[in-house]
Amino acid sequence: WVLALLFIFYILFWFIVAENVVTSAFVEKAFRLARPDDELLIFEQSLQDSADANTLRAIFQEADRDGSGGISLYEFETLISDPVFHGFLRTRGIDINNARLL
C-alpha cells in the first residue's frame, strides 16, 4: 500500500507541474498584452510635444509686447520671472533658473 501512496504522490506532483506550466503561459501572455505598445507611446509623446510647442509659441507671442516678432532681453526677463511660466517648464523637466546667465 506504500507503493499506491507513492504512485498517488507521483501523479499529483506531475499534475501540479503541468498546471504551473499552463498557468505561466497564460500569465506571460497577459503581461505581454498589458505592456503598452511602443508605437502608441511614441505617438502620444509626439502629440504632447506638439501641444507643448503650441503652448510655448503662444506664451512667447504674448511675451512679445512690442509686436516685433522676437523677444527682447527685457521681455525675456519679464517672462522668466513669471511663476506660472516656471511651473509650466518645471512640469516638462526644464530648469530655467540659470537662464539669466545665458
PDB file of N, CA and C in Angstrom:
ATOM      1  N   TRP A   1       0.806  -1.183   0.000  1.00  0.00           N
ATOM      2  CA  TRP A   1       0.000   0.000   0.000  1.00  0.00           C
ATOM      3  C   TRP A   1       0.847   1.244   0.000  1.00  0.00           C
ATOM      4  N   VAL A   2       2.127   1.146   0.352  1.00  0.00           N
ATOM      5  CA  VAL A   2       3.071   2.262   0.281  1.00  0.00           C
ATOM      6  C   VAL A   2       3.312   2.638  -1.171  1.00  0.00           C
ATOM      7  N   LEU A   3       3.385   1.631  -2.038  1.00  0.00           N
ATOM      8  CA  LEU A   3       3.574   1.924  -3.458  1.00  0.00           C
ATOM      9  C   LEU A   3       2.378   2.679  -4.040  1.00  0.00           C
ATOM     10  N   ALA A   4       1.197   2.352  -3.601  1.00  0.00           N
ATOM     11  CA  ALA A   4      -0.005   3.062  -4.068  1.00  0.00           C
ATOM     12  C   ALA A   4       0.044   4.527  -3.633  1.00  0.00           C
ATOM     13  N   LEU A   5       0.462   4.777  -2.400  1.00  0.00           N
ATOM     14  CA  LEU A   5       0.588   6.143  -1.883  1.00  0.00           C
ATOM     15  C   LEU A   5       1.676   6.908  -2.643  1.00  0.00           C
ATOM     16  N   LEU A   6       2.780   6.244  -2.920  1.00  0.00           N
ATOM     17  CA  LEU A   6       3.863   6.841  -3.683  1.00  0.00           C
ATOM     18  C   LEU A   6       3.417   7.155  -5.114  1.00  0.00           C
ATOM     19  N   PHE A   7       2.635   6.268  -5.711  1.00  0.00           N
ATOM     20  CA  PHE A   7       2.118   6.490  -7.054  1.00  0.00           C
ATOM     21  C   PHE A   7       1.165   7.688  -7.074  1.00  0.00           C
ATOM     22  N   ILE A   8       0.315   7.809  -6.066  1.00  0.00           N
ATOM     23  CA  ILE A   8      -0.616   8.952  -5.981  1.00  0.00           C
ATOM     24  C   ILE A   8       0.171  10.254  -5.827  1.00  0.00           C
ATOM     25  N   PHE A   9       1.212  10.238  -5.000  1.00  0.00           N
ATOM     26  CA  PHE A   9       2.059  11.415  -4.849  1.00  0.00           C
ATOM     27  C   PHE A   9       2.719  11.776  -6.183  1.00  0.00           C
ATOM     28  N   TYR A  10       3.200  10.786  -6.908  1.00  0.00           N
ATOM     29  CA  TYR A  10       3.833  10.982  -8.208  1.00  0.00           C
ATOM     30  C   TYR A  10       2.852  11.625  -9.191  1.00  0.00           C
ATOM     31  N   ILE A  11       1.642  11.116  -9.250  1.00  0.00           N
ATOM     32  CA  ILE A  11       0.614  11.656 -10.155  1.00  0.00           C
ATOM     33  C   ILE A  11       0.272  13.085  -9.768  1.00  0.00           C
ATOM     34  N   LEU A  12       0.086  13.376  -8.479  1.00  0.00           N
ATOM     35  CA  LEU A  12      -0.237  14.727  -8.016  1.00  0.00           C
ATOM     36  C   LEU A  12       0.908  15.701  -8.317  1.00  0.00           C
ATOM     37  N   PHE A  13       2.131  15.249  -8.114  1.00  0.00           N
ATOM     38  CA  PHE A  13       3.288  16.098  -8.388  1.00  0.00           C
ATOM     39  C   PHE A  13       3.293  16.535  -9.850  1.00  0.00           C
ATOM     40  N   TRP A  14       3.141  15.587 -10.766  1.00  0.00           N
ATOM     41  CA  TRP A  14       3.175  15.941 -12.185  1.00  0.00           C
ATOM     42  C   TRP A  14       1.941  16.721 -12.616  1.00  0.00           C
ATOM     43  N   PHE A  15       0.826  16.522 -11.956  1.00  0.00           N
ATOM     44  CA  PHE A  15      -0.368  17.323 -12.232  1.00  0.00           C
ATOM     45  C   PHE A  15      -0.109  18.784 -11.860  1.00  0.00           C
ATOM     46  N   ILE A  16       0.513  19.010 -10.711  1.00  0.00           N
ATOM     47  CA  ILE A  16       0.828  20.378 -10.279  1.00  0.00           C
ATOM     48  C   ILE A  16       1.858  21.012 -11.210  1.00  0.00           C
ATOM     49  N   VAL A  17       2.843  20.240 -11.636  1.00  0.00           N
ATOM     50  CA  VAL A  17       3.836  20.756 -12.583  1.00  0.00           C
ATOM     51  C   VAL A  17       3.155  21.192 -13.876  1.00  0.00           C
ATOM     52  N   ALA A  18       2.294  20.346 -14.413  1.00  0.00           N
ATOM     53  CA  ALA A  18       1.597  20.681 -15.667  1.00  0.00           C
ATOM     54  C   ALA A  18       0.698  21.904 -15.476  1.00  0.00           C
ATOM     55  N   GLU A  19       0.028  21.978 -14.356  1.00  0.00           N
ATOM     56  CA  GLU A  19      -0.837  23.125 -14.065  1.00  0.00           C
ATOM     57  C   GLU A  19      -0.012  24.414 -13.987  1.00  0.00           C
ATOM     58  N   ASN A  20       1.169  24.358 -13.394  1.00  0.00           N
ATOM     59  CA  ASN A  20       2.030  25.537 -13.312  1.00  0.00           C
ATOM     60  C   ASN A  20       2.529  25.976 -14.675  1.00  0.00           C
ATOM     61  N   VAL A  21       2.820  25.033 -15.542  1.00  0.00           N
ATOM     62  CA  VAL A  21       3.266  25.366 -16.895  1.00  0.00           C
ATOM     63  C   VAL A  21       2.153  26.082 -17.654  1.00  0.00           C
ATOM     64  N   VAL A  22       0.953  25.568 -17.573  1.00  0.00           N
ATOM     65  CA  VAL A  22      -0.182  26.190 -18.260  1.00  0.00           C
ATOM     66  C   VAL A  22      -0.459  27.578 -17.674  1.00  0.00           C
ATOM     67  N   THR A  23      -0.432  27.690 -16.356  1.00  0.00           N
ATOM     68  CA  THR A  23      -0.682  28.976 -15.708  1.00  0.00           C
ATOM     69  C   THR A  23       0.377  29.998 -16.103  1.00  0.00           C
ATOM     70  N   SER A  24       1.638  29.582 -16.148  1.00  0.00           N
ATOM     71  CA  SER A  24       2.703  30.523 -16.523  1.00  0.00           C
ATOM     72  C   SER A  24       2.539  30.988 -17.963  1.00  0.00           C
ATOM     73  N   ALA A  25       2.058  30.128 -18.843  1.00  0.00           N
ATOM     74  CA  ALA A  25       1.822  30.530 -20.229  1.00  0.00           C
ATOM     75  C   ALA A  25       0.741  31.609 -20.291  1.00  0.00           C
ATOM     76  N   PHE A  26      -0.332  31.436 -19.530  1.00  0.00           N
ATOM     77  CA  PHE A  26      -1.394  32.441 -19.506  1.00  0.00           C
ATOM     78  C   PHE A  26      -0.916  33.749 -18.893  1.00  0.00           C
ATOM     79  N   VAL A  27      -0.164  33.665 -17.815  1.00  0.00           N
ATOM     80  CA  VAL A  27       0.330  34.876 -17.148  1.00  0.00           C
ATOM     81  C   VAL A  27       1.291  35.629 -18.066  1.00  0.00           C
ATOM     82  N   GLU A  28       2.170  34.911 -18.753  1.00  0.00           N
ATOM     83  CA  GLU A  28       3.106  35.553 -19.669  1.00  0.00           C
ATOM     84  C   GLU A  28       2.362  36.265 -20.791  1.00  0.00           C
ATOM     85  N   LYS A  29       1.350  35.631 -21.333  1.00  0.00           N
ATOM     86  CA  LYS A  29       0.561  36.266 -22.401  1.00  0.00           C
ATOM     87  C   LYS A  29      -0.171  37.497 -21.881  1.00  0.00           C
ATOM     88  N   ALA A  30      -0.692  37.420 -20.659  1.00  0.00           N
ATOM     89  CA  ALA A  30      -1.385  38.567 -20.071  1.00  0.00           C
ATOM     90  C   ALA A  30      -0.424  39.737 -19.868  1.00  0.00           C
ATOM     91  N   PHE A  31       0.795  39.448 -19.404  1.00  0.00           N
ATOM     92  CA  PHE A  31       1.773  40.512 -19.242  1.00  0.00           C
ATOM     93  C   PHE A  31       2.160  41.124 -20.585  1.00  0.00           C
ATOM     94  N   ARG A  32       2.297  40.307 -21.589  1.00  0.00           N
ATOM     95  CA  ARG A  32       2.635  40.801 -22.915  1.00  0.00           C
ATOM     96  C   ARG A  32       1.530  41.705 -23.442  1.00  0.00           C
ATOM     97  N   LEU A  33       0.279  41.331 -23.216  1.00  0.00           N
ATOM     98  CA  LEU A  33      -0.840  42.149 -23.683  1.00  0.00           C
ATOM     99  C   LEU A  33      -1.004  43.416 -22.863  1.00  0.00           C
ATOM    100  N   ALA A  34      -0.627  43.385 -21.601  1.00  0.00           N
ATOM    101  CA  ALA A  34      -0.791  44.547 -20.727  1.00  0.00           C
ATOM    102  C   ALA A  34       0.305  45.587 -20.936  1.00  0.00           C
ATOM    103  N   ARG A  35       1.445  45.169 -21.496  1.00  0.00           N
ATOM    104  CA  ARG A  35       2.545  46.106 -21.723  1.00  0.00           C
ATOM    105  C   ARG A  35       2.129  47.119 -22.784  1.00  0.00           C
ATOM    106  N   PRO A  36       2.394  48.407 -22.536  1.00  0.00           N
ATOM    107  CA  PRO A  36       1.988  49.404 -23.522  1.00  0.00           C
ATOM    108  C   PRO A  36       2.760  49.244 -24.829  1.00  0.00           C
ATOM    109  N   ASP A  37       2.099  49.542 -25.896  1.00  0.00           N
ATOM    110  CA  ASP A  37       2.681  49.437 -27.228  1.00  0.00           C
ATOM    111  C   ASP A  37       3.665  50.591 -27.448  1.00  0.00           C
ATOM    112  N   ASP A  38       4.864  50.286 -27.916  1.00  0.00           N
ATOM    113  CA  ASP A  38       5.896  51.308 -28.116  1.00  0.00           C
ATOM    114  C   ASP A  38       5.445  52.364 -29.118  1.00  0.00           C
ATOM    115  N   GLU A  39       4.805  51.948 -30.188  1.00  0.00           N
ATOM    116  CA  GLU A  39       4.353  52.910 -31.189  1.00  0.00           C
ATOM    117  C   GLU A  39       3.316  53.863 -30.612  1.00  0.00           C
ATOM    118  N   LEU A  40       2.433  53.346 -29.757  1.00  0.00           N
ATOM    119  CA  LEU A  40       1.427  54.196 -29.136  1.00  0.00           C
ATOM    120  C   LEU A  40       2.083  55.200 -28.193  1.00  0.00           C
ATOM    121  N   LEU A  41       3.077  54.755 -27.424  1.00  0.00           N
ATOM    122  CA  LEU A  41       3.784  55.668 -26.526  1.00  0.00           C
ATOM    123  C   LEU A  41       4.503  56.764 -27.305  1.00  0.00           C
ATOM    124  N   ILE A  42       5.121  56.397 -28.414  1.00  0.00           N
ATOM    125  CA  ILE A  42       5.814  57.388 -29.242  1.00  0.00           C
ATOM    126  C   ILE A  42       4.816  58.380 -29.826  1.00  0.00           C
ATOM    127  N   PHE A  43       3.682  57.882 -30.284  1.00  0.00           N
ATOM    128  CA  PHE A  43       2.648  58.755 -30.854  1.00  0.00           C
ATOM    129  C   PHE A  43       2.104  59.713 -29.803  1.00  0.00           C
ATOM    130  N   GLU A  44       1.822  59.206 -28.599  1.00  0.00           N
ATOM    131  CA  GLU A  44       1.314  60.060 -27.531  1.00  0.00           C
ATOM    132  C   GLU A  44       2.340  61.111 -27.128  1.00  0.00           C
ATOM    133  N   GLN A  45       3.630  60.733 -27.084  1.00  0.00           N
ATOM    134  CA  GLN A  45       4.667  61.705 -26.753  1.00  0.00           C
ATOM    135  C   GLN A  45       4.781  62.757 -27.842  1.00  0.00           C
ATOM    136  N   SER A  46       4.618  62.347 -29.093  1.00  0.00           N
ATOM    137  CA  SER A  46       4.649  63.288 -30.204  1.00  0.00           C
ATOM    138  C   SER A  46       3.502  64.294 -30.102  1.00  0.00           C
ATOM    139  N   LEU A  47       2.315  63.812 -29.757  1.00  0.00           N
ATOM    140  CA  LEU A  47       1.174  64.717 -29.565  1.00  0.00           C
ATOM    141  C   LEU A  47       1.422  65.695 -28.427  1.00  0.00           C
ATOM    142  N   GLN A  48       1.996  65.195 -27.323  1.00  0.00           N
ATOM    143  CA  GLN A  48       2.289  66.054 -26.181  1.00  0.00           C
ATOM    144  C   GLN A  48       3.340  67.098 -26.546  1.00  0.00           C
ATOM    145  N   ASP A  49       4.365  66.696 -27.294  1.00  0.00           N
ATOM    146  CA  ASP A  49       5.406  67.635 -27.719  1.00  0.00           C
ATOM    147  C   ASP A  49       4.818  68.724 -28.619  1.00  0.00           C
ATOM    148  N   SER A  50       3.926  68.335 -29.508  1.00  0.00           N
ATOM    149  CA  SER A  50       3.289  69.307 -30.397  1.00  0.00           C
ATOM    150  C   SER A  50       2.423  70.291 -29.604  1.00  0.00           C
ATOM    151  N   ALA A  51       1.682  69.779 -28.639  1.00  0.00           N
ATOM    152  CA  ALA A  51       0.854  70.655 -27.800  1.00  0.00           C
ATOM    153  C   ALA A  51       1.733  71.602 -26.984  1.00  0.00           C
ATOM    154  N   ASP A  52       2.849  71.090 -26.460  1.00  0.00           N
ATOM    155  CA  ASP A  52       3.764  71.937 -25.697  1.00  0.00           C
ATOM    156  C   ASP A  52       4.370  73.029 -26.574  1.00  0.00           C
ATOM    157  N   ALA A  53       4.724  72.679 -27.805  1.00  0.00           N
ATOM    158  CA  ALA A  53       5.290  73.669 -28.726  1.00  0.00           C
ATOM    159  C   ALA A  53       4.273  74.757 -29.036  1.00  0.00           C
ATOM    160  N   ASN A  54       3.031  74.374 -29.234  1.00  0.00           N
ATOM    161  CA  ASN A  54       1.985  75.369 -29.500  1.00  0.00           C
ATOM    162  C   ASN A  54       1.774  76.270 -28.284  1.00  0.00           C
ATOM    163  N   THR A  55       1.805  75.689 -27.089  1.00  0.00           N
ATOM    164  CA  THR A  55       1.642  76.479 -25.871  1.00  0.00           C
ATOM    165  C   THR A  55       2.811  77.442 -25.705  1.00  0.00           C
ATOM    166  N   LEU A  56       4.027  76.959 -25.918  1.00  0.00           N
ATOM    167  CA  LEU A  56       5.198  77.843 -25.820  1.00  0.00           C
ATOM    168  C   LEU A  56       5.145  78.956 -26.858  1.00  0.00           C
ATOM    169  N   ARG A  57       4.708  78.635 -28.074  1.00  0.00           N
ATOM    170  CA  ARG A  57       4.587  79.644 -29.114  1.00  0.00           C
ATOM    171  C   ARG A  57       3.611  80.732 -28.675  1.00  0.00           C
ATOM    172  N   ALA A  58       2.484  80.327 -28.092  1.00  0.00           N
ATOM    173  CA  ALA A  58       1.505  81.305 -27.623  1.00  0.00           C
ATOM    174  C   ALA A  58       2.069  82.136 -26.461  1.00  0.00           C
ATOM    175  N   ILE A  59       2.798  81.503 -25.572  1.00  0.00           N
ATOM    176  CA  ILE A  59       3.391  82.232 -24.441  1.00  0.00           C
ATOM    177  C   ILE A  59       4.396  83.267 -24.945  1.00  0.00           C
ATOM    178  N   PHE A  60       5.237  82.880 -25.906  1.00  0.00           N
ATOM    179  CA  PHE A  60       6.235  83.812 -26.430  1.00  0.00           C
ATOM    180  C   PHE A  60       5.590  84.927 -27.251  1.00  0.00           C
ATOM    181  N   GLN A  61       4.522  84.617 -27.963  1.00  0.00           N
ATOM    182  CA  GLN A  61       3.820  85.678 -28.697  1.00  0.00           C
ATOM    183  C   GLN A  61       3.193  86.675 -27.733  1.00  0.00           C
ATOM    184  N   GLU A  62       2.691  86.177 -26.620  1.00  0.00           N
ATOM    185  CA  GLU A  62       2.118  87.070 -25.604  1.00  0.00           C
ATOM    186  C   GLU A  62       3.215  87.886 -24.928  1.00  0.00           C
ATOM    187  N   ALA A  63       4.394  87.296 -24.756  1.00  0.00           N
ATOM    188  CA  ALA A  63       5.503  87.999 -24.116  1.00  0.00           C
ATOM    189  C   ALA A  63       6.078  89.078 -25.032  1.00  0.00           C
ATOM    190  N   ASP A  64       5.868  88.957 -26.329  1.00  0.00           N
ATOM    191  CA  ASP A  64       6.361  89.954 -27.291  1.00  0.00           C
ATOM    192  C   ASP A  64       5.445  91.171 -27.245  1.00  0.00           C
ATOM    193  N   ARG A  65       5.676  92.049 -26.283  1.00  0.00           N
ATOM    194  CA  ARG A  65       4.782  93.202 -26.042  1.00  0.00           C
ATOM    195  C   ARG A  65       4.830  94.235 -27.184  1.00  0.00           C
ATOM    196  N   ASP A  66       6.002  94.403 -27.804  1.00  0.00           N
ATOM    197  CA  ASP A  66       6.097  95.429 -28.837  1.00  0.00           C
ATOM    198  C   ASP A  66       5.714  94.915 -30.226  1.00  0.00           C
ATOM    199  N   GLY A  67       5.406  93.632 -30.345  1.00  0.00           N
ATOM    200  CA  GLY A  67       4.951  93.072 -31.617  1.00  0.00           C
ATOM    201  C   GLY A  67       6.039  92.976 -32.668  1.00  0.00           C
ATOM    202  N   SER A  68       7.282  92.883 -32.244  1.00  0.00           N
ATOM    203  CA  SER A  68       8.397  92.853 -33.192  1.00  0.00           C
ATOM    204  C   SER A  68       8.607  91.477 -33.815  1.00  0.00           C
ATOM    205  N   GLY A  69       7.961  90.463 -33.293  1.00  0.00           N
ATOM    206  CA  GLY A  69       8.157  89.109 -33.799  1.00  0.00           C
ATOM    207  C   GLY A  69       9.300  88.400 -33.103  1.00  0.00           C
ATOM    208  N   GLY A  70       9.933  89.075 -32.186  1.00  0.00           N
ATOM    209  CA  GLY A  70      11.015  88.499 -31.387  1.00  0.00           C
ATOM    210  C   GLY A  70      10.862  88.969 -29.953  1.00  0.00           C
ATOM    211  N   ILE A  71      11.672  88.430 -29.087  1.00  0.00           N
ATOM    212  CA  ILE A  71      11.587  88.799 -27.675  1.00  0.00           C
ATOM    213  C   ILE A  71      12.873  89.508 -27.275  1.00  0.00           C
ATOM    214  N   SER A  72      12.716  90.727 -26.762  1.00  0.00           N
ATOM    215  CA  SER A  72      13.882  91.468 -26.294  1.00  0.00           C
ATOM    216  C   SER A  72      14.337  90.904 -24.951  1.00  0.00           C
ATOM    217  N   LEU A  73      15.497  91.358 -24.510  1.00  0.00           N
ATOM    218  CA  LEU A  73      16.025  90.898 -23.228  1.00  0.00           C
ATOM    219  C   LEU A  73      15.074  91.273 -22.098  1.00  0.00           C
ATOM    220  N   TYR A  74      14.521  92.468 -22.161  1.00  0.00           N
ATOM    221  CA  TYR A  74      13.584  92.905 -21.128  1.00  0.00           C
ATOM    222  C   TYR A  74      12.332  92.008 -21.122  1.00  0.00           C
ATOM    223  N   GLU A  75      11.802  91.719 -22.301  1.00  0.00           N
ATOM    224  CA  GLU A  75      10.622  90.846 -22.394  1.00  0.00           C
ATOM    225  C   GLU A  75      10.936  89.442 -21.890  1.00  0.00           C
ATOM    226  N   PHE A  76      12.142  88.957 -22.203  1.00  0.00           N
ATOM    227  CA  PHE A  76      12.540  87.628 -21.743  1.00  0.00           C
ATOM    228  C   PHE A  76      12.677  87.591 -20.227  1.00  0.00           C
ATOM    229  N   GLU A  77      13.305  88.620 -19.646  1.00  0.00           N
ATOM    230  CA  GLU A  77      13.458  88.659 -18.195  1.00  0.00           C
ATOM    231  C   GLU A  77      12.105  88.762 -17.498  1.00  0.00           C
ATOM    232  N   THR A  78      11.187  89.499 -18.106  1.00  0.00           N
ATOM    233  CA  THR A  78       9.831  89.571 -17.555  1.00  0.00           C
ATOM    234  C   THR A  78       9.166  88.206 -17.609  1.00  0.00           C
ATOM    235  N   LEU A  79       9.356  87.512 -18.708  1.00  0.00           N
ATOM    236  CA  LEU A  79       8.754  86.186 -18.877  1.00  0.00           C
ATOM    237  C   LEU A  79       9.314  85.181 -17.876  1.00  0.00           C
ATOM    238  N   ILE A  80      10.625  85.156 -17.700  1.00  0.00           N
ATOM    239  CA  ILE A  80      11.209  84.144 -16.806  1.00  0.00           C
ATOM    240  C   ILE A  80      10.998  84.476 -15.336  1.00  0.00           C
ATOM    241  N   SER A  81      10.540  85.669 -15.035  1.00  0.00           N
ATOM    242  CA  SER A  81      10.223  85.986 -13.637  1.00  0.00           C
ATOM    243  C   SER A  81       8.787  85.584 -13.282  1.00  0.00           C
ATOM    244  N   ASP A  82       8.032  85.143 -14.272  1.00  0.00           N
ATOM    245  CA  ASP A  82       6.638  84.736 -14.052  1.00  0.00           C
ATOM    246  C   ASP A  82       6.604  83.329 -13.448  1.00  0.00           C
ATOM    247  N   PRO A  83       6.006  83.155 -12.254  1.00  0.00           N
ATOM    248  CA  PRO A  83       5.960  81.823 -11.629  1.00  0.00           C
ATOM    249  C   PRO A  83       5.131  80.808 -12.413  1.00  0.00           C
ATOM    250  N   VAL A  84       4.138  81.255 -13.155  1.00  0.00           N
ATOM    251  CA  VAL A  84       3.332  80.341 -13.967  1.00  0.00           C
ATOM    252  C   VAL A  84       4.198  79.746 -15.083  1.00  0.00           C
ATOM    253  N   PHE A  85       5.038  80.590 -15.691  1.00  0.00           N
ATOM    254  CA  PHE A  85       5.946  80.110 -16.736  1.00  0.00           C
ATOM    255  C   PHE A  85       6.951  79.122 -16.151  1.00  0.00           C
ATOM    256  N   HIS A  86       7.452  79.427 -14.948  1.00  0.00           N
ATOM    257  CA  HIS A  86       8.362  78.492 -14.272  1.00  0.00           C
ATOM    258  C   HIS A  86       7.677  77.151 -14.031  1.00  0.00           C
ATOM    259  N   GLY A  87       6.441  77.191 -13.583  1.00  0.00           N
ATOM    260  CA  GLY A  87       5.687  75.959 -13.339  1.00  0.00           C
ATOM    261  C   GLY A  87       5.473  75.163 -14.610  1.00  0.00           C
ATOM    262  N   PHE A  88       5.163  75.862 -15.700  1.00  0.00           N
ATOM    263  CA  PHE A  88       4.966  75.190 -16.993  1.00  0.00           C
ATOM    264  C   PHE A  88       6.230  74.444 -17.402  1.00  0.00           C
ATOM    265  N   LEU A  89       7.367  75.125 -17.296  1.00  0.00           N
ATOM    266  CA  LEU A  89       8.626  74.493 -17.689  1.00  0.00           C
ATOM    267  C   LEU A  89       9.036  73.387 -16.721  1.00  0.00           C
ATOM    268  N   ARG A  90       8.809  73.604 -15.438  1.00  0.00           N
ATOM    269  CA  ARG A  90       9.197  72.604 -14.442  1.00  0.00           C
ATOM    270  C   ARG A  90       8.442  71.293 -14.645  1.00  0.00           C
ATOM    271  N   THR A  91       7.165  71.374 -14.999  1.00  0.00           N
ATOM    272  CA  THR A  91       6.387  70.147 -15.213  1.00  0.00           C
ATOM    273  C   THR A  91       6.861  69.391 -16.447  1.00  0.00           C
ATOM    274  N   ARG A  92       7.609  70.072 -17.311  1.00  0.00           N
ATOM    275  CA  ARG A  92       8.147  69.420 -18.503  1.00  0.00           C
ATOM    276  C   ARG A  92       9.631  69.068 -18.369  1.00  0.00           C
ATOM    277  N   GLY A  93      10.153  69.227 -17.150  1.00  0.00           N
ATOM    278  CA  GLY A  93      11.525  68.823 -16.878  1.00  0.00           C
ATOM    279  C   GLY A  93      12.570  69.823 -17.342  1.00  0.00           C
ATOM    280  N   ILE A  94      12.181  71.092 -17.506  1.00  0.00           N
ATOM    281  CA  ILE A  94      13.112  72.123 -17.959  1.00  0.00           C
ATOM    282  C   ILE A  94      13.420  73.040 -16.782  1.00  0.00           C
ATOM    283  N   ASP A  95      14.718  73.210 -16.501  1.00  0.00           N
ATOM    284  CA  ASP A  95      15.152  74.093 -15.414  1.00  0.00           C
ATOM    285  C   ASP A  95      15.591  75.416 -16.025  1.00  0.00           C
ATOM    286  N   ILE A  96      14.928  76.493 -15.645  1.00  0.00           N
ATOM    287  CA  ILE A  96      15.222  77.800 -16.228  1.00  0.00           C
ATOM    288  C   ILE A  96      15.914  78.716 -15.229  1.00  0.00           C
ATOM    289  N   ASN A  97      16.345  78.182 -14.103  1.00  0.00           N
ATOM    290  CA  ASN A  97      16.948  79.009 -13.054  1.00  0.00           C
ATOM    291  C   ASN A  97      18.227  79.710 -13.525  1.00  0.00           C
ATOM    292  N   ASN A  98      18.970  79.129 -14.437  1.00  0.00           N
ATOM    293  CA  ASN A  98      20.220  79.736 -14.912  1.00  0.00           C
ATOM    294  C   ASN A  98      20.047  80.481 -16.235  1.00  0.00           C
ATOM    295  N   ALA A  99      18.826  80.800 -16.628  1.00  0.00           N
ATOM    296  CA  ALA A  99      18.585  81.432 -17.924  1.00  0.00           C
ATOM    297  C   ALA A  99      19.191  82.825 -17.997  1.00  0.00           C
ATOM    298  N   ARG A 100      19.261  83.520 -16.882  1.00  0.00           N
ATOM    299  CA  ARG A 100      19.828  84.879 -16.909  1.00  0.00           C
ATOM    300  C   ARG A 100      21.316  84.859 -17.217  1.00  0.00           C
ATOM    301  N   LEU A 101      21.985  83.746 -16.890  1.00  0.00           N
ATOM    302  CA  LEU A 101      23.423  83.653 -17.157  1.00  0.00           C
ATOM    303  C   LEU A 101      23.722  83.486 -18.634  1.00  0.00           C
ATOM    304  N   LEU A 102      22.768  82.929 -19.379  1.00  0.00           N
ATOM    305  CA  LEU A 102      22.979  82.696 -20.799  1.00  0.00           C
ATOM    306  C   LEU A 102      22.853  83.987 -21.555  1.00  0.00           C
TER     307      LEU A 102
END
